[in-house]
Amino acid sequence: MDGNKLNEEFGDLFAYNLSVNFQNKVTEIYYGEYITENAPPIKKMIFENVVWQEFSEFDFVNIFNVIEVENSFEVFFNSHLRYFNRMKNYIAEDKMNAMKMPDLFYYTFRQTSGFNCFIITKTALRIEFL
C-alpha cells in the first residue's frame, strides 16, 4: 500500500495502543477517531516480519499526520541520517545488513502530536477494521 492510501486511511487518527510481539516479530498499532473513555479503536495496522523498528516521544495524545513508505534503504537511510549516526555504535553489523536486504518495506510515521516511529518489514503491512 502506498503512502497516499495510508494517509487517507490513517491521517489525523489517534493512535490508541501499540503492541509488539518480539517472538513473532509482529507490531500492531490501533487507531480511532478520538481518545475518550467510551471511544474504541476502529482500525489497526499490522506489521509482520519486522526487521527493525524505533519508537520515541510517547504522549497521551498520539496523532499521525503523514505516513511515508519507501522501498529503498538508501532513501530511508538518508531521511533518518541523524538516527543512524547516533546509533552507529549500537546497531550490530548483521542487523544493519538485514536492513539493507532487497524487497523490504520502510514505513516512517510523522506525527501531528505524540510519538515518532519507523518500522522496517519483509512484508507489506495489513489493515484490519475492528
N, C-alpha and C. Protein backbone atom coordinates (compact mmCIF):
# COMPACT_ATOMS: atom_id res chain seq x y z
N MET A 1 0.85 -1.17 0.00
CA MET A 1 0.00 0.00 0.00
C MET A 1 0.90 1.23 0.00
N ASP A 2 0.61 2.18 -0.87
CA ASP A 2 1.45 3.37 -0.95
C ASP A 2 1.10 4.40 0.13
N GLY A 3 1.99 5.38 0.28
CA GLY A 3 1.83 6.39 1.33
C GLY A 3 0.56 7.19 1.21
N ASN A 4 0.13 7.52 -0.02
CA ASN A 4 -1.11 8.30 -0.19
C ASN A 4 -2.32 7.56 0.35
N LYS A 5 -2.41 6.27 0.04
CA LYS A 5 -3.53 5.46 0.52
C LYS A 5 -3.49 5.34 2.05
N LEU A 6 -2.28 5.13 2.60
CA LEU A 6 -2.15 5.05 4.05
C LEU A 6 -2.56 6.36 4.72
N ASN A 7 -2.17 7.47 4.13
CA ASN A 7 -2.53 8.77 4.72
C ASN A 7 -4.03 9.00 4.68
N GLU A 8 -4.69 8.51 3.63
CA GLU A 8 -6.16 8.60 3.57
C GLU A 8 -6.80 7.75 4.66
N GLU A 9 -6.24 6.57 4.91
CA GLU A 9 -6.80 5.64 5.89
C GLU A 9 -6.54 6.07 7.33
N PHE A 10 -5.35 6.64 7.60
CA PHE A 10 -4.92 6.84 8.98
C PHE A 10 -4.55 8.27 9.33
N GLY A 11 -4.45 9.15 8.34
CA GLY A 11 -4.06 10.53 8.63
C GLY A 11 -5.00 11.18 9.63
N ASP A 12 -4.43 11.80 10.63
CA ASP A 12 -5.13 12.52 11.70
C ASP A 12 -5.99 11.62 12.59
N LEU A 13 -5.80 10.31 12.51
CA LEU A 13 -6.43 9.45 13.50
C LEU A 13 -5.53 9.34 14.73
N PHE A 14 -6.12 9.02 15.86
CA PHE A 14 -5.38 8.90 17.11
C PHE A 14 -4.86 7.47 17.25
N ALA A 15 -3.60 7.34 17.60
CA ALA A 15 -3.05 6.02 17.93
C ALA A 15 -3.42 5.70 19.37
N TYR A 16 -4.15 4.60 19.57
CA TYR A 16 -4.60 4.20 20.90
C TYR A 16 -3.58 3.31 21.60
N ASN A 17 -3.17 2.27 20.91
CA ASN A 17 -2.31 1.26 21.52
C ASN A 17 -1.22 0.83 20.55
N LEU A 18 -0.11 0.45 21.14
CA LEU A 18 1.00 -0.13 20.40
C LEU A 18 1.27 -1.49 21.01
N SER A 19 1.27 -2.52 20.18
CA SER A 19 1.51 -3.88 20.66
C SER A 19 2.68 -4.47 19.88
N VAL A 20 3.69 -4.94 20.61
CA VAL A 20 4.87 -5.52 19.98
C VAL A 20 5.05 -6.94 20.49
N ASN A 21 5.08 -7.88 19.55
CA ASN A 21 5.33 -9.28 19.88
C ASN A 21 6.73 -9.61 19.35
N PHE A 22 7.71 -9.63 20.26
CA PHE A 22 9.10 -9.82 19.86
C PHE A 22 9.35 -11.23 19.32
N GLN A 23 8.70 -12.24 19.90
CA GLN A 23 8.92 -13.61 19.45
C GLN A 23 8.44 -13.83 18.02
N ASN A 24 7.26 -13.28 17.69
CA ASN A 24 6.70 -13.47 16.36
C ASN A 24 7.06 -12.36 15.38
N LYS A 25 7.78 -11.33 15.87
CA LYS A 25 8.20 -10.19 15.05
C LYS A 25 7.01 -9.50 14.40
N VAL A 26 6.00 -9.21 15.23
CA VAL A 26 4.77 -8.55 14.78
C VAL A 26 4.53 -7.31 15.64
N THR A 27 4.21 -6.21 14.98
CA THR A 27 3.85 -4.97 15.67
C THR A 27 2.48 -4.54 15.18
N GLU A 28 1.62 -4.15 16.11
CA GLU A 28 0.28 -3.67 15.77
C GLU A 28 0.06 -2.30 16.38
N ILE A 29 -0.53 -1.40 15.60
CA ILE A 29 -0.90 -0.08 16.09
C ILE A 29 -2.40 0.07 15.89
N TYR A 30 -3.12 0.37 16.97
CA TYR A 30 -4.58 0.50 16.95
C TYR A 30 -4.95 1.98 16.87
N TYR A 31 -5.94 2.31 16.02
CA TYR A 31 -6.33 3.69 15.77
C TYR A 31 -7.81 3.92 16.00
N GLY A 32 -8.14 5.15 16.33
CA GLY A 32 -9.53 5.57 16.44
C GLY A 32 -9.65 7.05 16.16
N GLU A 33 -10.89 7.53 16.21
CA GLU A 33 -11.12 8.93 15.87
C GLU A 33 -10.82 9.87 17.03
N TYR A 34 -11.18 9.48 18.25
CA TYR A 34 -10.91 10.31 19.42
C TYR A 34 -10.58 9.39 20.58
N ILE A 35 -9.71 9.85 21.44
CA ILE A 35 -9.41 9.06 22.63
C ILE A 35 -10.29 9.58 23.76
N THR A 36 -11.30 8.81 24.08
CA THR A 36 -12.16 9.09 25.23
C THR A 36 -12.40 7.76 25.93
N GLU A 37 -13.05 7.82 27.05
CA GLU A 37 -13.33 6.61 27.79
C GLU A 37 -14.17 5.62 27.00
N ASN A 38 -15.09 6.12 26.19
CA ASN A 38 -16.04 5.25 25.50
C ASN A 38 -15.77 5.05 24.02
N ALA A 39 -14.71 5.64 23.49
CA ALA A 39 -14.44 5.53 22.06
C ALA A 39 -13.37 4.47 21.80
N PRO A 40 -13.77 3.34 21.26
CA PRO A 40 -12.80 2.26 20.99
C PRO A 40 -12.04 2.53 19.68
N PRO A 41 -10.89 1.88 19.51
CA PRO A 41 -10.21 1.99 18.22
C PRO A 41 -11.06 1.37 17.12
N ILE A 42 -10.88 1.85 15.88
CA ILE A 42 -11.69 1.36 14.77
C ILE A 42 -10.87 0.62 13.70
N LYS A 43 -9.55 0.81 13.71
CA LYS A 43 -8.67 0.17 12.73
C LYS A 43 -7.37 -0.21 13.40
N LYS A 44 -6.67 -1.15 12.76
CA LYS A 44 -5.31 -1.43 13.22
C LYS A 44 -4.41 -1.73 12.03
N MET A 45 -3.17 -1.31 12.16
CA MET A 45 -2.13 -1.66 11.21
C MET A 45 -1.37 -2.83 11.79
N ILE A 46 -1.07 -3.80 10.95
CA ILE A 46 -0.34 -4.98 11.39
C ILE A 46 0.94 -5.08 10.56
N PHE A 47 2.06 -5.03 11.24
CA PHE A 47 3.37 -5.16 10.60
C PHE A 47 3.93 -6.52 10.98
N GLU A 48 4.12 -7.37 9.99
CA GLU A 48 4.64 -8.71 10.24
C GLU A 48 6.05 -8.82 9.66
N ASN A 49 6.81 -9.79 10.18
CA ASN A 49 8.19 -9.99 9.73
C ASN A 49 9.01 -8.72 9.90
N VAL A 50 8.91 -8.13 11.09
CA VAL A 50 9.62 -6.89 11.38
C VAL A 50 11.12 -7.16 11.44
N VAL A 51 11.87 -6.32 10.73
CA VAL A 51 13.33 -6.41 10.71
C VAL A 51 13.93 -5.47 11.75
N TRP A 52 13.38 -4.25 11.84
CA TRP A 52 13.87 -3.24 12.78
C TRP A 52 12.77 -2.22 13.01
N GLN A 53 12.71 -1.65 14.20
CA GLN A 53 11.73 -0.61 14.48
C GLN A 53 12.27 0.30 15.57
N GLU A 54 11.77 1.52 15.57
CA GLU A 54 12.18 2.51 16.57
C GLU A 54 10.98 3.35 16.93
N PHE A 55 10.76 3.53 18.23
CA PHE A 55 9.65 4.34 18.73
C PHE A 55 10.21 5.34 19.74
N SER A 56 9.69 6.56 19.71
CA SER A 56 10.12 7.57 20.69
C SER A 56 9.04 8.62 20.87
N GLU A 57 9.19 9.41 21.92
CA GLU A 57 8.35 10.57 22.21
C GLU A 57 6.88 10.23 22.40
N PHE A 58 6.59 9.25 23.24
CA PHE A 58 5.20 8.88 23.53
C PHE A 58 4.51 10.00 24.32
N ASP A 59 3.23 10.13 24.09
CA ASP A 59 2.42 11.12 24.78
C ASP A 59 1.04 10.52 25.00
N PHE A 60 0.17 11.20 25.75
CA PHE A 60 -1.19 10.71 25.92
C PHE A 60 -1.94 10.79 24.60
N VAL A 61 -1.75 11.88 23.87
CA VAL A 61 -2.39 12.06 22.56
C VAL A 61 -1.34 11.84 21.49
N ASN A 62 -1.56 10.84 20.63
CA ASN A 62 -0.64 10.50 19.56
C ASN A 62 -1.40 10.51 18.24
N ILE A 63 -1.18 11.54 17.43
CA ILE A 63 -1.91 11.71 16.18
C ILE A 63 -0.90 11.66 15.03
N PHE A 64 -1.12 10.74 14.09
CA PHE A 64 -0.24 10.67 12.92
C PHE A 64 -0.78 11.56 11.82
N ASN A 65 0.14 12.24 11.18
CA ASN A 65 -0.22 13.14 10.09
C ASN A 65 0.13 12.51 8.74
N VAL A 66 1.39 12.11 8.59
CA VAL A 66 1.87 11.58 7.31
C VAL A 66 2.55 10.24 7.56
N ILE A 67 2.29 9.29 6.69
CA ILE A 67 2.97 8.00 6.71
C ILE A 67 3.74 7.89 5.40
N GLU A 68 5.07 7.81 5.52
CA GLU A 68 5.92 7.70 4.34
C GLU A 68 6.27 6.23 4.12
N VAL A 69 6.24 5.80 2.87
CA VAL A 69 6.58 4.43 2.52
C VAL A 69 7.71 4.47 1.50
N GLU A 70 8.78 3.78 1.81
CA GLU A 70 9.93 3.69 0.89
C GLU A 70 10.21 2.23 0.58
N ASN A 71 10.82 2.01 -0.57
CA ASN A 71 11.27 0.68 -0.94
C ASN A 71 12.77 0.64 -1.14
N SER A 72 13.43 1.74 -0.77
CA SER A 72 14.88 1.86 -0.96
C SER A 72 15.53 2.16 0.39
N PHE A 73 16.51 1.31 0.76
CA PHE A 73 17.22 1.56 2.01
C PHE A 73 17.97 2.89 1.95
N GLU A 74 18.55 3.20 0.81
CA GLU A 74 19.33 4.44 0.68
C GLU A 74 18.48 5.68 0.96
N VAL A 75 17.29 5.72 0.38
CA VAL A 75 16.39 6.86 0.61
C VAL A 75 15.98 6.90 2.08
N PHE A 76 15.60 5.75 2.63
CA PHE A 76 15.22 5.65 4.04
C PHE A 76 16.36 6.08 4.95
N PHE A 77 17.55 5.56 4.69
CA PHE A 77 18.73 5.87 5.49
C PHE A 77 19.00 7.38 5.50
N ASN A 78 18.94 8.00 4.34
CA ASN A 78 19.20 9.43 4.25
C ASN A 78 18.16 10.26 4.99
N SER A 79 16.92 9.79 5.02
CA SER A 79 15.88 10.54 5.73
C SER A 79 15.97 10.35 7.25
N HIS A 80 16.74 9.35 7.69
CA HIS A 80 16.94 9.08 9.12
C HIS A 80 18.42 9.14 9.49
N LEU A 81 19.15 9.98 8.81
CA LEU A 81 20.60 10.05 8.99
C LEU A 81 21.00 10.37 10.43
N ARG A 82 20.29 11.28 11.07
CA ARG A 82 20.62 11.61 12.47
C ARG A 82 20.49 10.38 13.37
N TYR A 83 19.43 9.61 13.16
CA TYR A 83 19.23 8.39 13.96
C TYR A 83 20.39 7.41 13.74
N PHE A 84 20.72 7.14 12.49
CA PHE A 84 21.76 6.15 12.20
C PHE A 84 23.14 6.63 12.66
N ASN A 85 23.41 7.91 12.57
CA ASN A 85 24.67 8.44 13.10
C ASN A 85 24.74 8.27 14.62
N ARG A 86 23.64 8.53 15.30
CA ARG A 86 23.59 8.40 16.74
C ARG A 86 23.71 6.93 17.18
N MET A 87 23.18 6.02 16.39
CA MET A 87 23.13 4.60 16.76
C MET A 87 24.24 3.75 16.15
N LYS A 88 25.17 4.36 15.42
CA LYS A 88 26.17 3.58 14.67
C LYS A 88 26.99 2.64 15.55
N ASN A 89 27.19 2.98 16.81
CA ASN A 89 27.97 2.10 17.69
C ASN A 89 27.10 1.06 18.39
N TYR A 90 25.80 1.09 18.17
CA TYR A 90 24.88 0.21 18.89
C TYR A 90 24.15 -0.79 18.00
N ILE A 91 24.12 -0.54 16.72
CA ILE A 91 23.45 -1.47 15.80
C ILE A 91 24.50 -2.44 15.27
N ALA A 92 24.31 -3.71 15.55
CA ALA A 92 25.26 -4.73 15.10
C ALA A 92 25.29 -4.80 13.58
N GLU A 93 26.43 -5.19 13.06
CA GLU A 93 26.63 -5.24 11.61
C GLU A 93 25.61 -6.15 10.92
N ASP A 94 25.31 -7.30 11.52
CA ASP A 94 24.35 -8.21 10.91
C ASP A 94 22.95 -7.59 10.86
N LYS A 95 22.59 -6.80 11.89
CA LYS A 95 21.29 -6.11 11.89
C LYS A 95 21.26 -5.04 10.82
N MET A 96 22.37 -4.31 10.70
CA MET A 96 22.45 -3.26 9.67
C MET A 96 22.34 -3.90 8.27
N ASN A 97 23.00 -5.02 8.07
CA ASN A 97 22.92 -5.71 6.78
C ASN A 97 21.50 -6.21 6.51
N ALA A 98 20.81 -6.66 7.55
CA ALA A 98 19.43 -7.12 7.39
C ALA A 98 18.53 -5.98 6.94
N MET A 99 18.81 -4.75 7.39
CA MET A 99 18.01 -3.59 6.97
C MET A 99 18.23 -3.22 5.52
N LYS A 100 19.31 -3.71 4.92
CA LYS A 100 19.66 -3.38 3.53
C LYS A 100 19.21 -4.43 2.54
N MET A 101 18.57 -5.48 3.01
CA MET A 101 18.14 -6.56 2.13
C MET A 101 17.18 -6.03 1.07
N PRO A 102 17.16 -6.66 -0.10
CA PRO A 102 16.22 -6.21 -1.14
C PRO A 102 14.77 -6.53 -0.76
N ASP A 103 13.87 -5.80 -1.35
CA ASP A 103 12.43 -6.04 -1.22
C ASP A 103 11.87 -5.81 0.17
N LEU A 104 12.48 -4.94 0.95
CA LEU A 104 11.93 -4.58 2.25
C LEU A 104 11.00 -3.38 2.12
N PHE A 105 10.17 -3.19 3.14
CA PHE A 105 9.25 -2.05 3.21
C PHE A 105 9.69 -1.17 4.37
N TYR A 106 9.82 0.12 4.10
CA TYR A 106 10.29 1.08 5.10
C TYR A 106 9.16 2.07 5.37
N TYR A 107 8.62 2.05 6.60
CA TYR A 107 7.50 2.92 6.97
C TYR A 107 7.98 3.95 7.99
N THR A 108 7.71 5.22 7.72
CA THR A 108 8.04 6.30 8.65
C THR A 108 6.76 7.05 8.97
N PHE A 109 6.51 7.27 10.24
CA PHE A 109 5.31 7.99 10.70
C PHE A 109 5.72 9.36 11.19
N ARG A 110 5.12 10.39 10.61
CA ARG A 110 5.35 11.77 11.05
C ARG A 110 4.11 12.21 11.81
N GLN A 111 4.30 12.68 13.02
CA GLN A 111 3.18 12.95 13.89
C GLN A 111 2.72 14.41 13.83
N THR A 112 1.45 14.58 14.12
CA THR A 112 0.90 15.89 14.44
C THR A 112 1.17 16.14 15.92
N SER A 113 1.01 15.10 16.70
CA SER A 113 1.24 15.16 18.15
C SER A 113 1.60 13.76 18.61
N GLY A 114 2.57 13.65 19.52
CA GLY A 114 2.87 12.36 20.12
C GLY A 114 4.11 11.70 19.58
N PHE A 115 4.07 10.37 19.50
CA PHE A 115 5.30 9.63 19.26
C PHE A 115 5.71 9.55 17.79
N ASN A 116 7.01 9.41 17.61
CA ASN A 116 7.62 9.18 16.31
C ASN A 116 7.93 7.70 16.19
N CYS A 117 7.92 7.19 14.96
CA CYS A 117 8.36 5.82 14.80
C CYS A 117 8.69 5.53 13.35
N PHE A 118 9.48 4.49 13.18
CA PHE A 118 9.65 3.87 11.87
C PHE A 118 9.71 2.37 12.06
N ILE A 119 9.28 1.67 11.01
CA ILE A 119 9.24 0.21 11.06
C ILE A 119 9.72 -0.31 9.70
N ILE A 120 10.63 -1.28 9.74
CA ILE A 120 11.13 -1.93 8.53
C ILE A 120 10.64 -3.37 8.56
N THR A 121 9.99 -3.81 7.47
CA THR A 121 9.42 -5.16 7.43
C THR A 121 9.79 -5.88 6.14
N LYS A 122 9.65 -7.20 6.19
CA LYS A 122 9.84 -8.02 4.99
C LYS A 122 8.57 -8.12 4.17
N THR A 123 7.44 -7.85 4.79
CA THR A 123 6.15 -7.96 4.09
C THR A 123 5.38 -6.65 4.24
N ALA A 124 4.50 -6.39 3.30
CA ALA A 124 3.69 -5.17 3.34
C ALA A 124 2.75 -5.23 4.54
N LEU A 125 2.44 -4.08 5.08
CA LEU A 125 1.54 -4.04 6.22
C LEU A 125 0.13 -4.43 5.82
N ARG A 126 -0.62 -4.89 6.81
CA ARG A 126 -2.04 -5.22 6.62
C ARG A 126 -2.87 -4.26 7.47
N ILE A 127 -4.07 -4.01 7.01
CA ILE A 127 -5.01 -3.16 7.75
C ILE A 127 -6.24 -3.99 8.08
N GLU A 128 -6.68 -3.91 9.32
CA GLU A 128 -7.92 -4.57 9.73
C GLU A 128 -8.85 -3.54 10.33
N PHE A 129 -10.12 -3.65 10.02
CA PHE A 129 -11.14 -2.83 10.66
C PHE A 129 -11.65 -3.62 11.86
N LEU A 130 -11.83 -2.96 12.97
CA LEU A 130 -12.25 -3.64 14.21
C LEU A 130 -13.74 -3.58 14.40
